Amino acid sequence: MKKDKPTIEDKEVIRKKLTGEVVSDKMDKTVVVMVKTIKAHPKYKKRYQVSTKYHAHDPENKHKEGEKVTIVLDRPRSKNKRWRIVESK
């Protein structure tokens, strides 16, 4: 007996989500989102803040600088753009 192979519809895709602030909206259909995370030093355990900037897809150009947004990992859309905006806060 052959087992049915799982189809794409059967699989649940777990995508990475991040929340950050739009720091630049000057590009067409693209915004730059800065995500801040808190890390601890391995030896001294002091906590410090690290920020990373991500290029995110904004097809309607509706998100402006200073807005809080949630981005999700998506297919590569260009050399640097692999994230898209899913909601605005």
PDB file of N, CA and C in Angstrom:
ATOM      1  N   MET A   1       0.826  -1.176   0.000  1.00  0.00           N
ATOM      2  CA  MET A   1       0.000   0.000   0.000  1.00  0.00           C
ATOM      3  C   MET A   1       0.873   1.243   0.000  1.00  0.00           C
ATOM      4  N   LYS A   2       0.495   2.208  -0.830  1.00  0.00           N
ATOM      5  CA  LYS A   2       1.211   3.469  -0.877  1.00  0.00           C
ATOM      6  C   LYS A   2       0.544   4.463   0.060  1.00  0.00           C
ATOM      7  N   LYS A   3       1.382   5.183   0.758  1.00  0.00           N
ATOM      8  CA  LYS A   3       0.857   6.240   1.617  1.00  0.00           C
ATOM      9  C   LYS A   3       0.733   7.507   0.790  1.00  0.00           C
ATOM     10  N   ASP A   4      -0.314   8.260   1.063  1.00  0.00           N
ATOM     11  CA  ASP A   4      -0.488   9.531   0.366  1.00  0.00           C
ATOM     12  C   ASP A   4       0.559  10.524   0.860  1.00  0.00           C
ATOM     13  N   LYS A   5       1.172  11.208  -0.089  1.00  0.00           N
ATOM     14  CA  LYS A   5       2.140  12.228   0.274  1.00  0.00           C
ATOM     15  C   LYS A   5       1.393  13.476   0.738  1.00  0.00           C
ATOM     16  N   PRO A   6       1.933  14.158   1.744  1.00  0.00           N
ATOM     17  CA  PRO A   6       1.264  15.382   2.195  1.00  0.00           C
ATOM     18  C   PRO A   6       1.365  16.460   1.120  1.00  0.00           C
ATOM     19  N   THR A   7       0.290  17.181   0.933  1.00  0.00           N
ATOM     20  CA  THR A   7       0.274  18.255  -0.051  1.00  0.00           C
ATOM     21  C   THR A   7       0.627  19.567   0.629  1.00  0.00           C
ATOM     22  N   ILE A   8       0.763  20.587  -0.171  1.00  0.00           N
ATOM     23  CA  ILE A   8       1.104  21.903   0.364  1.00  0.00           C
ATOM     24  C   ILE A   8       0.002  22.407   1.291  1.00  0.00           C
ATOM     25  N   GLU A   9      -1.252  22.086   0.971  1.00  0.00           N
ATOM     26  CA  GLU A   9      -2.367  22.552   1.783  1.00  0.00           C
ATOM     27  C   GLU A   9      -2.359  21.911   3.173  1.00  0.00           C
ATOM     28  N   ASP A  10      -1.801  20.700   3.291  1.00  0.00           N
ATOM     29  CA  ASP A  10      -1.790  19.995   4.567  1.00  0.00           C
ATOM     30  C   ASP A  10      -0.743  20.550   5.532  1.00  0.00           C
ATOM     31  N   LYS A  11       0.305  21.134   4.996  1.00  0.00           N
ATOM     32  CA  LYS A  11       1.396  21.615   5.834  1.00  0.00           C
ATOM     33  C   LYS A  11       1.079  23.009   6.366  1.00  0.00           C
ATOM     34  N   GLU A  12       1.363  23.203   7.649  1.00  0.00           N
ATOM     35  CA  GLU A  12       1.242  24.527   8.231  1.00  0.00           C
ATOM     36  C   GLU A  12       2.616  25.171   8.170  1.00  0.00           C
ATOM     37  N   VAL A  13       2.676  26.349   7.600  1.00  0.00           N
ATOM     38  CA  VAL A  13       3.939  27.047   7.468  1.00  0.00           C
ATOM     39  C   VAL A  13       4.096  27.977   8.670  1.00  0.00           C
ATOM     40  N   ILE A  14       5.171  27.787   9.401  1.00  0.00           N
ATOM     41  CA  ILE A  14       5.465  28.650  10.532  1.00  0.00           C
ATOM     42  C   ILE A  14       6.489  29.666  10.055  1.00  0.00           C
ATOM     43  N   ARG A  15       6.073  30.912   9.998  1.00  0.00           N
ATOM     44  CA  ARG A  15       6.950  31.971   9.511  1.00  0.00           C
ATOM     45  C   ARG A  15       7.463  32.812  10.679  1.00  0.00           C
ATOM     46  N   LYS A  16       8.679  33.306  10.512  1.00  0.00           N
ATOM     47  CA  LYS A  16       9.286  34.145  11.525  1.00  0.00           C
ATOM     48  C   LYS A  16       8.622  35.526  11.508  1.00  0.00           C
ATOM     49  N   LYS A  17       8.207  36.023  12.678  1.00  0.00           N
ATOM     50  CA  LYS A  17       7.576  37.338  12.793  1.00  0.00           C
ATOM     51  C   LYS A  17       8.437  38.241  13.658  1.00  0.00           C
ATOM     52  N   LEU A  18       8.536  39.505  13.257  1.00  0.00           N
ATOM     53  CA  LEU A  18       9.273  40.494  14.028  1.00  0.00           C
ATOM     54  C   LEU A  18       8.451  41.772  14.101  1.00  0.00           C
ATOM     55  N   THR A  19       8.640  42.538  15.165  1.00  0.00           N
ATOM     56  CA  THR A  19       7.949  43.812  15.326  1.00  0.00           C
ATOM     57  C   THR A  19       8.995  44.907  15.443  1.00  0.00           C
ATOM     58  N   GLY A  20       8.775  45.998  14.713  1.00  0.00           N
ATOM     59  CA  GLY A  20       9.727  47.095  14.742  1.00  0.00           C
ATOM     60  C   GLY A  20       9.104  48.393  14.292  1.00  0.00           C
ATOM     61  N   GLU A  21       9.960  49.378  14.071  1.00  0.00           N
ATOM     62  CA  GLU A  21       9.519  50.719  13.699  1.00  0.00           C
ATOM     63  C   GLU A  21      10.050  51.067  12.315  1.00  0.00           C
ATOM     64  N   VAL A  22       9.198  51.694  11.507  1.00  0.00           N
ATOM     65  CA  VAL A  22       9.610  52.130  10.172  1.00  0.00           C
ATOM     66  C   VAL A  22      10.542  53.326  10.340  1.00  0.00           C
ATOM     67  N   VAL A  23      11.770  53.220   9.812  1.00  0.00           N
ATOM     68  CA  VAL A  23      12.733  54.310   9.917  1.00  0.00           C
ATOM     69  C   VAL A  23      12.952  55.017   8.586  1.00  0.00           C
ATOM     70  N   SER A  24      12.521  54.403   7.476  1.00  0.00           N
ATOM     71  CA  SER A  24      12.646  55.046   6.169  1.00  0.00           C
ATOM     72  C   SER A  24      11.542  54.541   5.249  1.00  0.00           C
ATOM     73  N   ASP A  25      10.899  55.493   4.549  1.00  0.00           N
ATOM     74  CA  ASP A  25       9.863  55.130   3.578  1.00  0.00           C
ATOM     75  C   ASP A  25      10.118  55.814   2.236  1.00  0.00           C
ATOM     76  N   LYS A  26      11.379  56.090   1.934  1.00  0.00           N
ATOM     77  CA  LYS A  26      11.730  56.858   0.741  1.00  0.00           C
ATOM     78  C   LYS A  26      11.743  56.033  -0.538  1.00  0.00           C
ATOM     79  N   MET A  27      11.820  54.702  -0.421  1.00  0.00           N
ATOM     80  CA  MET A  27      11.854  53.853  -1.610  1.00  0.00           C
ATOM     81  C   MET A  27      10.441  53.502  -2.054  1.00  0.00           C
ATOM     82  N   ASP A  28      10.297  53.147  -3.323  1.00  0.00           N
ATOM     83  CA  ASP A  28       8.996  52.767  -3.860  1.00  0.00           C
ATOM     84  C   ASP A  28       8.683  51.323  -3.476  1.00  0.00           C
ATOM     85  N   LYS A  29       7.551  51.107  -2.824  1.00  0.00           N
ATOM     86  CA  LYS A  29       7.064  49.786  -2.395  1.00  0.00           C
ATOM     87  C   LYS A  29       8.002  49.085  -1.413  1.00  0.00           C
ATOM     88  N   THR A  30       8.849  49.842  -0.735  1.00  0.00           N
ATOM     89  CA  THR A  30       9.785  49.278   0.239  1.00  0.00           C
ATOM     90  C   THR A  30       9.917  50.225   1.421  1.00  0.00           C
ATOM     91  N   VAL A  31       9.962  49.666   2.621  1.00  0.00           N
ATOM     92  CA  VAL A  31      10.262  50.446   3.818  1.00  0.00           C
ATOM     93  C   VAL A  31      11.406  49.759   4.558  1.00  0.00           C
ATOM     94  N   VAL A  32      12.115  50.540   5.373  1.00  0.00           N
ATOM     95  CA  VAL A  32      13.166  49.990   6.211  1.00  0.00           C
ATOM     96  C   VAL A  32      12.620  49.943   7.633  1.00  0.00           C
ATOM     97  N   VAL A  33      12.643  48.747   8.228  1.00  0.00           N
ATOM     98  CA  VAL A  33      12.106  48.536   9.570  1.00  0.00           C
ATOM     99  C   VAL A  33      13.257  48.208  10.510  1.00  0.00           C
ATOM    100  N   MET A  34      13.345  48.960  11.623  1.00  0.00           N
ATOM    101  CA  MET A  34      14.383  48.704  12.612  1.00  0.00           C
ATOM    102  C   MET A  34      13.778  47.886  13.754  1.00  0.00           C
ATOM    103  N   VAL A  35      14.375  46.722  14.011  1.00  0.00           N
ATOM    104  CA  VAL A  35      13.915  45.819  15.063  1.00  0.00           C
ATOM    105  C   VAL A  35      14.953  45.838  16.179  1.00  0.00           C
ATOM    106  N   LYS A  36      14.501  46.134  17.406  1.00  0.00           N
ATOM    107  CA  LYS A  36      15.401  46.178  18.555  1.00  0.00           C
ATOM    108  C   LYS A  36      15.213  44.923  19.391  1.00  0.00           C
ATOM    109  N   THR A  37      16.324  44.293  19.754  1.00  0.00           N
ATOM    110  CA  THR A  37      16.287  43.112  20.619  1.00  0.00           C
ATOM    111  C   THR A  37      17.251  43.317  21.780  1.00  0.00           C
ATOM    112  N   ILE A  38      16.997  42.631  22.882  1.00  0.00           N
ATOM    113  CA  ILE A  38      17.860  42.719  24.053  1.00  0.00           C
ATOM    114  C   ILE A  38      18.632  41.410  24.173  1.00  0.00           C
ATOM    115  N   LYS A  39      19.950  41.533  24.264  1.00  0.00           N
ATOM    116  CA  LYS A  39      20.819  40.366  24.406  1.00  0.00           C
ATOM    117  C   LYS A  39      21.581  40.478  25.720  1.00  0.00           C
ATOM    118  N   ALA A  40      22.102  39.350  26.176  1.00  0.00           N
ATOM    119  CA  ALA A  40      22.908  39.331  27.393  1.00  0.00           C
ATOM    120  C   ALA A  40      24.324  38.890  27.045  1.00  0.00           C
ATOM    121  N   HIS A  41      25.298  39.536  27.660  1.00  0.00           N
ATOM    122  CA  HIS A  41      26.690  39.164  27.449  1.00  0.00           C
ATOM    123  C   HIS A  41      26.915  37.760  28.015  1.00  0.00           C
ATOM    124  N   PRO A  42      27.613  36.886  27.259  1.00  0.00           N
ATOM    125  CA  PRO A  42      27.755  35.495  27.705  1.00  0.00           C
ATOM    126  C   PRO A  42      28.456  35.330  29.061  1.00  0.00           C
ATOM    127  N   LYS A  43      29.465  36.140  29.320  1.00  0.00           N
ATOM    128  CA  LYS A  43      30.218  35.976  30.564  1.00  0.00           C
ATOM    129  C   LYS A  43      29.685  36.861  31.695  1.00  0.00           C
ATOM    130  N   TYR A  44      29.441  38.136  31.392  1.00  0.00           N
ATOM    131  CA  TYR A  44      29.106  39.098  32.440  1.00  0.00           C
ATOM    132  C   TYR A  44      27.605  39.269  32.660  1.00  0.00           C
ATOM    133  N   LYS A  45      26.802  38.714  31.765  1.00  0.00           N
ATOM    134  CA  LYS A  45      25.339  38.720  31.882  1.00  0.00           C
ATOM    135  C   LYS A  45      24.705  40.109  31.832  1.00  0.00           C
ATOM    136  N   LYS A  46      25.470  41.120  31.462  1.00  0.00           N
ATOM    137  CA  LYS A  46      24.882  42.445  31.315  1.00  0.00           C
ATOM    138  C   LYS A  46      24.029  42.462  30.059  1.00  0.00           C
ATOM    139  N   ARG A  47      22.839  43.044  30.180  1.00  0.00           N
ATOM    140  CA  ARG A  47      21.945  43.124  29.027  1.00  0.00           C
ATOM    141  C   ARG A  47      22.219  44.404  28.253  1.00  0.00           C
ATOM    142  N   TYR A  48      22.138  44.289  26.923  1.00  0.00           N
ATOM    143  CA  TYR A  48      22.332  45.439  26.057  1.00  0.00           C
ATOM    144  C   TYR A  48      21.403  45.318  24.859  1.00  0.00           C
ATOM    145  N   GLN A  49      21.154  46.452  24.231  1.00  0.00           N
ATOM    146  CA  GLN A  49      20.200  46.492  23.124  1.00  0.00           C
ATOM    147  C   GLN A  49      20.931  46.442  21.783  1.00  0.00           C
ATOM    148  N   VAL A  50      20.409  45.606  20.880  1.00  0.00           N
ATOM    149  CA  VAL A  50      20.961  45.469  19.540  1.00  0.00           C
ATOM    150  C   VAL A  50      19.846  45.789  18.559  1.00  0.00           C
ATOM    151  N   SER A  51      20.152  46.599  17.543  1.00  0.00           N
ATOM    152  CA  SER A  51      19.126  46.912  16.546  1.00  0.00           C
ATOM    153  C   SER A  51      19.573  46.412  15.180  1.00  0.00           C
ATOM    154  N   THR A  52      18.611  45.907  14.413  1.00  0.00           N
ATOM    155  CA  THR A  52      18.862  45.400  13.070  1.00  0.00           C
ATOM    156  C   THR A  52      17.842  46.014  12.132  1.00  0.00           C
ATOM    157  N   LYS A  53      18.285  46.401  10.940  1.00  0.00           N
ATOM    158  CA  LYS A  53      17.378  46.992   9.954  1.00  0.00           C
ATOM    159  C   LYS A  53      17.055  45.973   8.872  1.00  0.00           C
ATOM    160  N   TYR A  54      15.763  45.882   8.532  1.00  0.00           N
ATOM    161  CA  TYR A  54      15.287  44.970   7.499  1.00  0.00           C
ATOM    162  C   TYR A  54      14.537  45.763   6.438  1.00  0.00           C
ATOM    163  N   HIS A  55      14.729  45.397   5.165  1.00  0.00           N
ATOM    164  CA  HIS A  55      13.944  45.961   4.073  1.00  0.00           C
ATOM    165  C   HIS A  55      12.681  45.121   3.955  1.00  0.00           C
ATOM    166  N   ALA A  56      11.522  45.773   3.969  1.00  0.00           N
ATOM    167  CA  ALA A  56      10.253  45.047   3.927  1.00  0.00           C
ATOM    168  C   ALA A  56       9.396  45.554   2.775  1.00  0.00           C
ATOM    169  N   HIS A  57       8.613  44.648   2.193  1.00  0.00           N
ATOM    170  CA  HIS A  57       7.750  44.958   1.053  1.00  0.00           C
ATOM    171  C   HIS A  57       6.485  45.666   1.537  1.00  0.00           C
ATOM    172  N   ASP A  58       6.193  46.817   0.941  1.00  0.00           N
ATOM    173  CA  ASP A  58       4.998  47.613   1.249  1.00  0.00           C
ATOM    174  C   ASP A  58       4.340  47.971  -0.082  1.00  0.00           C
ATOM    175  N   PRO A  59       3.493  47.085  -0.634  1.00  0.00           N
ATOM    176  CA  PRO A  59       2.998  47.262  -2.003  1.00  0.00           C
ATOM    177  C   PRO A  59       2.179  48.524  -2.235  1.00  0.00           C
ATOM    178  N   GLU A  60       1.514  49.040  -1.202  1.00  0.00           N
ATOM    179  CA  GLU A  60       0.650  50.212  -1.388  1.00  0.00           C
ATOM    180  C   GLU A  60       1.297  51.508  -0.911  1.00  0.00           C
ATOM    181  N   ASN A  61       2.522  51.463  -0.451  1.00  0.00           N
ATOM    182  CA  ASN A  61       3.234  52.640   0.066  1.00  0.00           C
ATOM    183  C   ASN A  61       2.426  53.375   1.132  1.00  0.00           C
ATOM    184  N   LYS A  62       1.737  52.636   2.001  1.00  0.00           N
ATOM    185  CA  LYS A  62       0.866  53.289   2.981  1.00  0.00           C
ATOM    186  C   LYS A  62       1.497  53.449   4.360  1.00  0.00           C
ATOM    187  N   HIS A  63       2.620  52.803   4.624  1.00  0.00           N
ATOM    188  CA  HIS A  63       3.253  52.907   5.937  1.00  0.00           C
ATOM    189  C   HIS A  63       4.273  54.039   5.923  1.00  0.00           C
ATOM    190  N   LYS A  64       4.201  54.886   6.945  1.00  0.00           N
ATOM    191  CA  LYS A  64       5.052  56.068   7.021  1.00  0.00           C
ATOM    192  C   LYS A  64       6.081  55.921   8.137  1.00  0.00           C
ATOM    193  N   GLU A  65       7.067  56.780   8.102  1.00  0.00           N
ATOM    194  CA  GLU A  65       8.147  56.772   9.074  1.00  0.00           C
ATOM    195  C   GLU A  65       7.599  56.975  10.487  1.00  0.00           C
ATOM    196  N   GLY A  66       8.074  56.162  11.427  1.00  0.00           N
ATOM    197  CA  GLY A  66       7.645  56.271  12.815  1.00  0.00           C
ATOM    198  C   GLY A  66       6.564  55.283  13.218  1.00  0.00           C
ATOM    199  N   GLU A  67       5.938  54.603  12.265  1.00  0.00           N
ATOM    200  CA  GLU A  67       4.876  53.636  12.571  1.00  0.00           C
ATOM    201  C   GLU A  67       5.463  52.339  13.110  1.00  0.00           C
ATOM    202  N   LYS A  68       4.720  51.692  14.005  1.00  0.00           N
ATOM    203  CA  LYS A  68       5.077  50.359  14.498  1.00  0.00           C
ATOM    204  C   LYS A  68       4.420  49.339  13.578  1.00  0.00           C
ATOM    205  N   VAL A  69       5.198  48.380  13.074  1.00  0.00           N
ATOM    206  CA  VAL A  69       4.680  47.376  12.145  1.00  0.00           C
ATOM    207  C   VAL A  69       5.181  45.990  12.532  1.00  0.00           C
ATOM    208  N   THR A  70       4.459  44.970  12.060  1.00  0.00           N
ATOM    209  CA  THR A  70       4.882  43.584  12.202  1.00  0.00           C
ATOM    210  C   THR A  70       5.257  43.079  10.820  1.00  0.00           C
ATOM    211  N   ILE A  71       6.450  42.481  10.710  1.00  0.00           N
ATOM    212  CA  ILE A  71       6.905  41.951   9.428  1.00  0.00           C
ATOM    213  C   ILE A  71       7.048  40.442   9.544  1.00  0.00           C
ATOM    214  N   VAL A  72       6.919  39.766   8.412  1.00  0.00           N
ATOM    215  CA  VAL A  72       7.000  38.312   8.383  1.00  0.00           C
ATOM    216  C   VAL A  72       7.947  37.906   7.259  1.00  0.00           C
ATOM    217  N   LEU A  73       8.690  36.818   7.467  1.00  0.00           N
ATOM    218  CA  LEU A  73       9.630  36.324   6.471  1.00  0.00           C
ATOM    219  C   LEU A  73       8.871  35.819   5.253  1.00  0.00           C
ATOM    220  N   ASP A  74       9.345  36.170   4.069  1.00  0.00           N
ATOM    221  CA  ASP A  74       8.660  35.855   2.819  1.00  0.00           C
ATOM    222  C   ASP A  74       9.703  35.427   1.795  1.00  0.00           C
ATOM    223  N   ARG A  75       9.240  35.174   0.589  1.00  0.00           N
ATOM    224  CA  ARG A  75      10.161  34.794  -0.478  1.00  0.00           C
ATOM    225  C   ARG A  75      11.054  35.982  -0.838  1.00  0.00           C
ATOM    226  N   PRO A  76      12.236  35.742  -1.385  1.00  0.00           N
ATOM    227  CA  PRO A  76      13.092  36.853  -1.796  1.00  0.00           C
ATOM    228  C   PRO A  76      12.443  37.668  -2.915  1.00  0.00           C
ATOM    229  N   ARG A  77      12.332  38.969  -2.702  1.00  0.00           N
ATOM    230  CA  ARG A  77      11.730  39.852  -3.703  1.00  0.00           C
ATOM    231  C   ARG A  77      12.791  40.664  -4.442  1.00  0.00           C
ATOM    232  N   SER A  78      13.950  40.827  -3.842  1.00  0.00           N
ATOM    233  CA  SER A  78      15.066  41.505  -4.494  1.00  0.00           C
ATOM    234  C   SER A  78      16.342  41.088  -3.760  1.00  0.00           C
ATOM    235  N   LYS A  79      17.435  41.789  -4.030  1.00  0.00           N
ATOM    236  CA  LYS A  79      18.714  41.432  -3.416  1.00  0.00           C
ATOM    237  C   LYS A  79      18.652  41.500  -1.883  1.00  0.00           C
ATOM    238  N   ASN A  80      18.014  42.522  -1.344  1.00  0.00           N
ATOM    239  CA  ASN A  80      17.983  42.720   0.108  1.00  0.00           C
ATOM    240  C   ASN A  80      16.619  42.506   0.749  1.00  0.00           C
ATOM    241  N   LYS A  81      15.574  42.392  -0.031  1.00  0.00           N
ATOM    242  CA  LYS A  81      14.208  42.387   0.506  1.00  0.00           C
ATOM    243  C   LYS A  81      13.654  40.971   0.598  1.00  0.00           C
ATOM    244  N   ARG A  82      13.460  40.482   1.849  1.00  0.00           N
ATOM    245  CA  ARG A  82      12.910  39.153   2.089  1.00  0.00           C
ATOM    246  C   ARG A  82      11.774  39.169   3.102  1.00  0.00           C
ATOM    247  N   TRP A  83      11.319  40.326   3.495  1.00  0.00           N
ATOM    248  CA  TRP A  83      10.274  40.485   4.499  1.00  0.00           C
ATOM    249  C   TRP A  83       9.105  41.249   3.891  1.00  0.00           C
ATOM    250  N   ARG A  84       7.902  41.042   4.452  1.00  0.00           N
ATOM    251  CA  ARG A  84       6.748  41.835   4.034  1.00  0.00           C
ATOM    252  C   ARG A  84       5.969  42.247   5.268  1.00  0.00           C
ATOM    253  N   ILE A  85       5.277  43.362   5.166  1.00  0.00           N
ATOM    254  CA  ILE A  85       4.503  43.891   6.284  1.00  0.00           C
ATOM    255  C   ILE A  85       3.161  43.182   6.337  1.00  0.00           C
ATOM    256  N   VAL A  86       2.782  42.694   7.531  1.00  0.00           N
ATOM    257  CA  VAL A  86       1.496  42.020   7.679  1.00  0.00           C
ATOM    258  C   VAL A  86       0.496  42.857   8.463  1.00  0.00           C
ATOM    259  N   GLU A  87       0.962  43.693   9.389  1.00  0.00           N
ATOM    260  CA  GLU A  87       0.029  44.544  10.121  1.00  0.00           C
ATOM    261  C   GLU A  87       0.738  45.772  10.656  1.00  0.00           C
ATOM    262  N   SER A  88      -0.068  46.801  10.892  1.00  0.00           N
ATOM    263  CA  SER A  88       0.425  48.053  11.430  1.00  0.00           C
ATOM    264  C   SER A  88      -0.220  48.273  12.787  1.00  0.00           C
ATOM    265  N   LYS A  89       0.528  48.833  13.722  1.00  0.00           N
ATOM    266  CA  LYS A  89      -0.018  49.038  15.071  1.00  0.00           C
ATOM    267  C   LYS A  89      -0.214  50.499  15.363  1.00  0.00           C
TER     268      LYS A  89
END
